[in-house]
Amino acid sequence: MTQKLNWPPTNVEALRSDSLSDPHTPGLYIEVHTGRGRVTRVWKYRRRLSGKKTFHRATLSSYPAHSIADARDWAASIDVLP
């Protein structure tokens, strides 16, 4: 039996470095940028193209300007063609 993982906003807000992948949407992750005493979190998408060594990459915008639900909808709308 597979256990579903929650990804509440508190996990995203607590992230201070590195990145965190969304357990519900393959390819969606949030990346943290630090500098000048600020922490910025940016939604990104990365998937390997079928049968190739290249990746499809895209950037949405920052969190909390776009919520987790917004980012998931955006990632689901991306068509990765082989």
N, C-alpha and C. Protein backbone atom coordinates (compact mmCIF):
# COMPACT_ATOMS: atom_id res chain seq x y z
N MET A 1 0.85 -1.18 0.00
CA MET A 1 0.00 0.00 0.00
C MET A 1 0.89 1.24 0.00
N THR A 2 0.63 2.14 -0.92
CA THR A 2 1.42 3.35 -1.04
C THR A 2 0.83 4.45 -0.18
N GLN A 3 1.69 5.10 0.56
CA GLN A 3 1.25 6.19 1.42
C GLN A 3 1.41 7.51 0.66
N LYS A 4 0.34 8.33 0.65
CA LYS A 4 0.42 9.63 0.01
C LYS A 4 1.09 10.61 0.95
N LEU A 5 1.99 11.39 0.40
CA LEU A 5 2.69 12.37 1.19
C LEU A 5 2.00 13.72 1.10
N ASN A 6 1.89 14.39 2.21
CA ASN A 6 1.36 15.74 2.22
C ASN A 6 2.48 16.71 1.91
N TRP A 7 2.14 17.83 1.34
CA TRP A 7 3.11 18.86 1.02
C TRP A 7 2.51 20.20 1.41
N PRO A 8 2.35 20.44 2.72
CA PRO A 8 1.70 21.66 3.16
C PRO A 8 2.58 22.89 2.93
N PRO A 9 1.97 24.07 2.87
CA PRO A 9 2.73 25.31 2.68
C PRO A 9 3.82 25.51 3.73
N THR A 10 3.64 24.97 4.92
CA THR A 10 4.67 25.13 5.96
C THR A 10 5.98 24.46 5.56
N ASN A 11 5.91 23.35 4.81
CA ASN A 11 7.14 22.70 4.32
C ASN A 11 7.86 23.60 3.33
N VAL A 12 7.11 24.27 2.48
CA VAL A 12 7.70 25.16 1.48
C VAL A 12 8.30 26.39 2.18
N GLU A 13 7.58 26.96 3.10
CA GLU A 13 8.04 28.15 3.81
C GLU A 13 9.25 27.87 4.69
N ALA A 14 9.37 26.66 5.19
CA ALA A 14 10.49 26.30 6.06
C ALA A 14 11.77 26.04 5.28
N LEU A 15 11.65 25.84 3.98
CA LEU A 15 12.80 25.54 3.14
C LEU A 15 13.69 26.78 3.02
N ARG A 16 14.96 26.65 3.42
CA ARG A 16 15.90 27.76 3.43
C ARG A 16 17.04 27.61 2.43
N SER A 17 17.21 26.42 1.89
CA SER A 17 18.25 26.18 0.88
C SER A 17 17.87 24.94 0.09
N ASP A 18 18.56 24.76 -1.05
CA ASP A 18 18.38 23.58 -1.87
C ASP A 18 17.04 23.63 -2.62
N SER A 19 16.40 22.48 -2.78
CA SER A 19 15.12 22.40 -3.49
C SER A 19 14.27 21.29 -2.88
N LEU A 20 13.00 21.30 -3.24
CA LEU A 20 12.06 20.32 -2.72
C LEU A 20 11.15 19.89 -3.85
N SER A 21 11.09 18.59 -4.14
CA SER A 21 10.24 18.06 -5.21
C SER A 21 8.83 17.82 -4.70
N ASP A 22 7.87 18.08 -5.57
CA ASP A 22 6.47 17.83 -5.24
C ASP A 22 6.19 16.33 -5.35
N PRO A 23 5.68 15.70 -4.30
CA PRO A 23 5.42 14.26 -4.36
C PRO A 23 4.21 13.90 -5.23
N HIS A 24 3.37 14.88 -5.58
CA HIS A 24 2.16 14.60 -6.36
C HIS A 24 2.32 14.89 -7.84
N THR A 25 3.24 15.77 -8.22
CA THR A 25 3.37 16.18 -9.62
C THR A 25 4.79 15.92 -10.10
N PRO A 26 4.99 14.90 -10.92
CA PRO A 26 6.33 14.60 -11.42
C PRO A 26 6.93 15.78 -12.18
N GLY A 27 8.15 16.11 -11.85
CA GLY A 27 8.85 17.18 -12.54
C GLY A 27 8.76 18.54 -11.87
N LEU A 28 7.78 18.74 -11.00
CA LEU A 28 7.60 20.02 -10.33
C LEU A 28 8.43 20.06 -9.06
N TYR A 29 9.15 21.17 -8.88
CA TYR A 29 9.90 21.37 -7.65
C TYR A 29 10.02 22.85 -7.36
N ILE A 30 10.38 23.16 -6.14
CA ILE A 30 10.60 24.54 -5.74
C ILE A 30 12.07 24.67 -5.37
N GLU A 31 12.70 25.71 -5.88
CA GLU A 31 14.12 25.94 -5.67
C GLU A 31 14.30 27.21 -4.86
N VAL A 32 15.25 27.18 -3.94
CA VAL A 32 15.49 28.32 -3.05
C VAL A 32 16.73 29.08 -3.51
N HIS A 33 16.57 30.40 -3.61
CA HIS A 33 17.68 31.30 -3.93
C HIS A 33 17.88 32.22 -2.74
N THR A 34 19.12 32.36 -2.30
CA THR A 34 19.42 33.25 -1.18
C THR A 34 20.40 34.31 -1.63
N GLY A 35 20.29 35.46 -1.02
CA GLY A 35 21.21 36.54 -1.32
C GLY A 35 20.71 37.85 -0.74
N ARG A 36 21.63 38.67 -0.31
CA ARG A 36 21.31 39.97 0.27
C ARG A 36 20.32 39.86 1.43
N GLY A 37 20.48 38.80 2.20
CA GLY A 37 19.64 38.61 3.38
C GLY A 37 18.21 38.19 3.07
N ARG A 38 17.94 37.80 1.82
CA ARG A 38 16.60 37.38 1.44
C ARG A 38 16.59 35.92 1.00
N VAL A 39 15.42 35.33 1.13
CA VAL A 39 15.21 33.96 0.66
C VAL A 39 14.06 34.03 -0.36
N THR A 40 14.33 33.58 -1.57
CA THR A 40 13.32 33.57 -2.62
C THR A 40 13.10 32.12 -3.05
N ARG A 41 11.84 31.75 -3.17
CA ARG A 41 11.49 30.39 -3.59
C ARG A 41 10.85 30.48 -4.98
N VAL A 42 11.36 29.70 -5.92
CA VAL A 42 10.91 29.76 -7.31
C VAL A 42 10.41 28.39 -7.76
N TRP A 43 9.23 28.37 -8.40
CA TRP A 43 8.68 27.14 -8.95
C TRP A 43 9.37 26.81 -10.25
N LYS A 44 9.79 25.55 -10.39
CA LYS A 44 10.44 25.09 -11.61
C LYS A 44 9.90 23.72 -12.00
N TYR A 45 10.12 23.39 -13.27
CA TYR A 45 9.66 22.12 -13.81
C TYR A 45 10.79 21.53 -14.65
N ARG A 46 11.01 20.24 -14.49
CA ARG A 46 12.07 19.56 -15.23
C ARG A 46 11.67 18.11 -15.46
N ARG A 47 11.60 17.72 -16.74
CA ARG A 47 11.29 16.33 -17.09
C ARG A 47 12.18 15.90 -18.24
N ARG A 48 12.62 14.68 -18.21
CA ARG A 48 13.43 14.12 -19.30
C ARG A 48 12.49 13.81 -20.47
N LEU A 49 12.91 14.19 -21.65
CA LEU A 49 12.13 13.89 -22.85
C LEU A 49 12.22 12.40 -23.14
N SER A 50 11.14 11.81 -23.53
CA SER A 50 11.06 10.38 -23.76
C SER A 50 12.10 9.89 -24.75
N GLY A 51 12.92 8.96 -24.32
CA GLY A 51 13.91 8.34 -25.18
C GLY A 51 15.10 9.23 -25.52
N LYS A 52 15.26 10.34 -24.82
CA LYS A 52 16.35 11.25 -25.12
C LYS A 52 17.14 11.56 -23.86
N LYS A 53 18.29 12.19 -24.04
CA LYS A 53 19.12 12.58 -22.91
C LYS A 53 18.87 14.02 -22.49
N THR A 54 18.00 14.71 -23.20
CA THR A 54 17.72 16.11 -22.90
C THR A 54 16.51 16.26 -21.99
N PHE A 55 16.42 17.42 -21.36
CA PHE A 55 15.34 17.71 -20.44
C PHE A 55 14.50 18.87 -20.95
N HIS A 56 13.23 18.87 -20.58
CA HIS A 56 12.37 20.03 -20.81
C HIS A 56 12.37 20.79 -19.48
N ARG A 57 12.75 22.05 -19.54
CA ARG A 57 12.82 22.87 -18.32
C ARG A 57 11.97 24.11 -18.48
N ALA A 58 11.33 24.52 -17.39
CA ALA A 58 10.51 25.73 -17.40
C ALA A 58 10.49 26.32 -16.00
N THR A 59 10.28 27.63 -15.93
CA THR A 59 10.20 28.35 -14.65
C THR A 59 8.87 29.08 -14.62
N LEU A 60 8.15 28.95 -13.53
CA LEU A 60 6.86 29.64 -13.38
C LEU A 60 7.07 31.01 -12.79
N SER A 61 7.27 31.08 -11.52
CA SER A 61 7.45 32.34 -10.80
C SER A 61 7.74 31.99 -9.35
N SER A 62 7.61 32.97 -8.51
CA SER A 62 7.99 32.75 -7.11
C SER A 62 6.80 32.33 -6.25
N TYR A 63 7.13 31.77 -5.12
CA TYR A 63 6.17 31.43 -4.07
C TYR A 63 6.28 32.54 -3.04
N PRO A 64 5.26 33.11 -2.52
CA PRO A 64 3.85 32.75 -2.53
C PRO A 64 3.01 33.43 -3.60
N ALA A 65 3.63 34.11 -4.57
CA ALA A 65 2.85 34.72 -5.66
C ALA A 65 2.02 33.66 -6.38
N HIS A 66 2.56 32.45 -6.49
CA HIS A 66 1.84 31.31 -7.06
C HIS A 66 1.82 30.21 -6.00
N SER A 67 0.65 29.78 -5.64
CA SER A 67 0.49 28.76 -4.59
C SER A 67 0.89 27.39 -5.11
N ILE A 68 0.86 26.42 -4.21
CA ILE A 68 1.17 25.04 -4.59
C ILE A 68 0.16 24.55 -5.63
N ALA A 69 -1.12 24.87 -5.42
CA ALA A 69 -2.16 24.46 -6.38
C ALA A 69 -1.94 25.10 -7.74
N ASP A 70 -1.57 26.39 -7.76
CA ASP A 70 -1.29 27.07 -9.03
C ASP A 70 -0.13 26.39 -9.75
N ALA A 71 0.92 26.08 -9.01
CA ALA A 71 2.10 25.46 -9.61
C ALA A 71 1.77 24.07 -10.15
N ARG A 72 0.94 23.32 -9.45
CA ARG A 72 0.55 21.99 -9.93
C ARG A 72 -0.28 22.09 -11.20
N ASP A 73 -1.20 23.05 -11.25
CA ASP A 73 -2.00 23.25 -12.46
C ASP A 73 -1.11 23.64 -13.64
N TRP A 74 -0.15 24.52 -13.38
CA TRP A 74 0.78 24.96 -14.42
C TRP A 74 1.60 23.78 -14.94
N ALA A 75 2.13 22.97 -14.03
CA ALA A 75 2.95 21.82 -14.43
C ALA A 75 2.12 20.79 -15.19
N ALA A 76 0.89 20.61 -14.80
CA ALA A 76 0.02 19.64 -15.50
C ALA A 76 -0.31 20.12 -16.91
N SER A 77 -0.29 21.42 -17.13
CA SER A 77 -0.63 21.95 -18.45
C SER A 77 0.54 21.89 -19.43
N ILE A 78 1.74 21.59 -18.95
CA ILE A 78 2.91 21.53 -19.83
C ILE A 78 2.90 20.21 -20.58
N ASP A 79 2.91 20.31 -21.89
CA ASP A 79 2.97 19.11 -22.73
C ASP A 79 4.41 18.88 -23.13
N VAL A 80 4.96 17.75 -22.74
CA VAL A 80 6.32 17.39 -23.12
C VAL A 80 6.20 16.38 -24.25
N LEU A 81 6.52 16.85 -25.44
CA LEU A 81 6.44 15.98 -26.60
C LEU A 81 7.76 15.27 -26.83
N PRO A 82 7.71 14.01 -27.24
CA PRO A 82 8.96 13.28 -27.49
C PRO A 82 9.70 13.80 -28.70
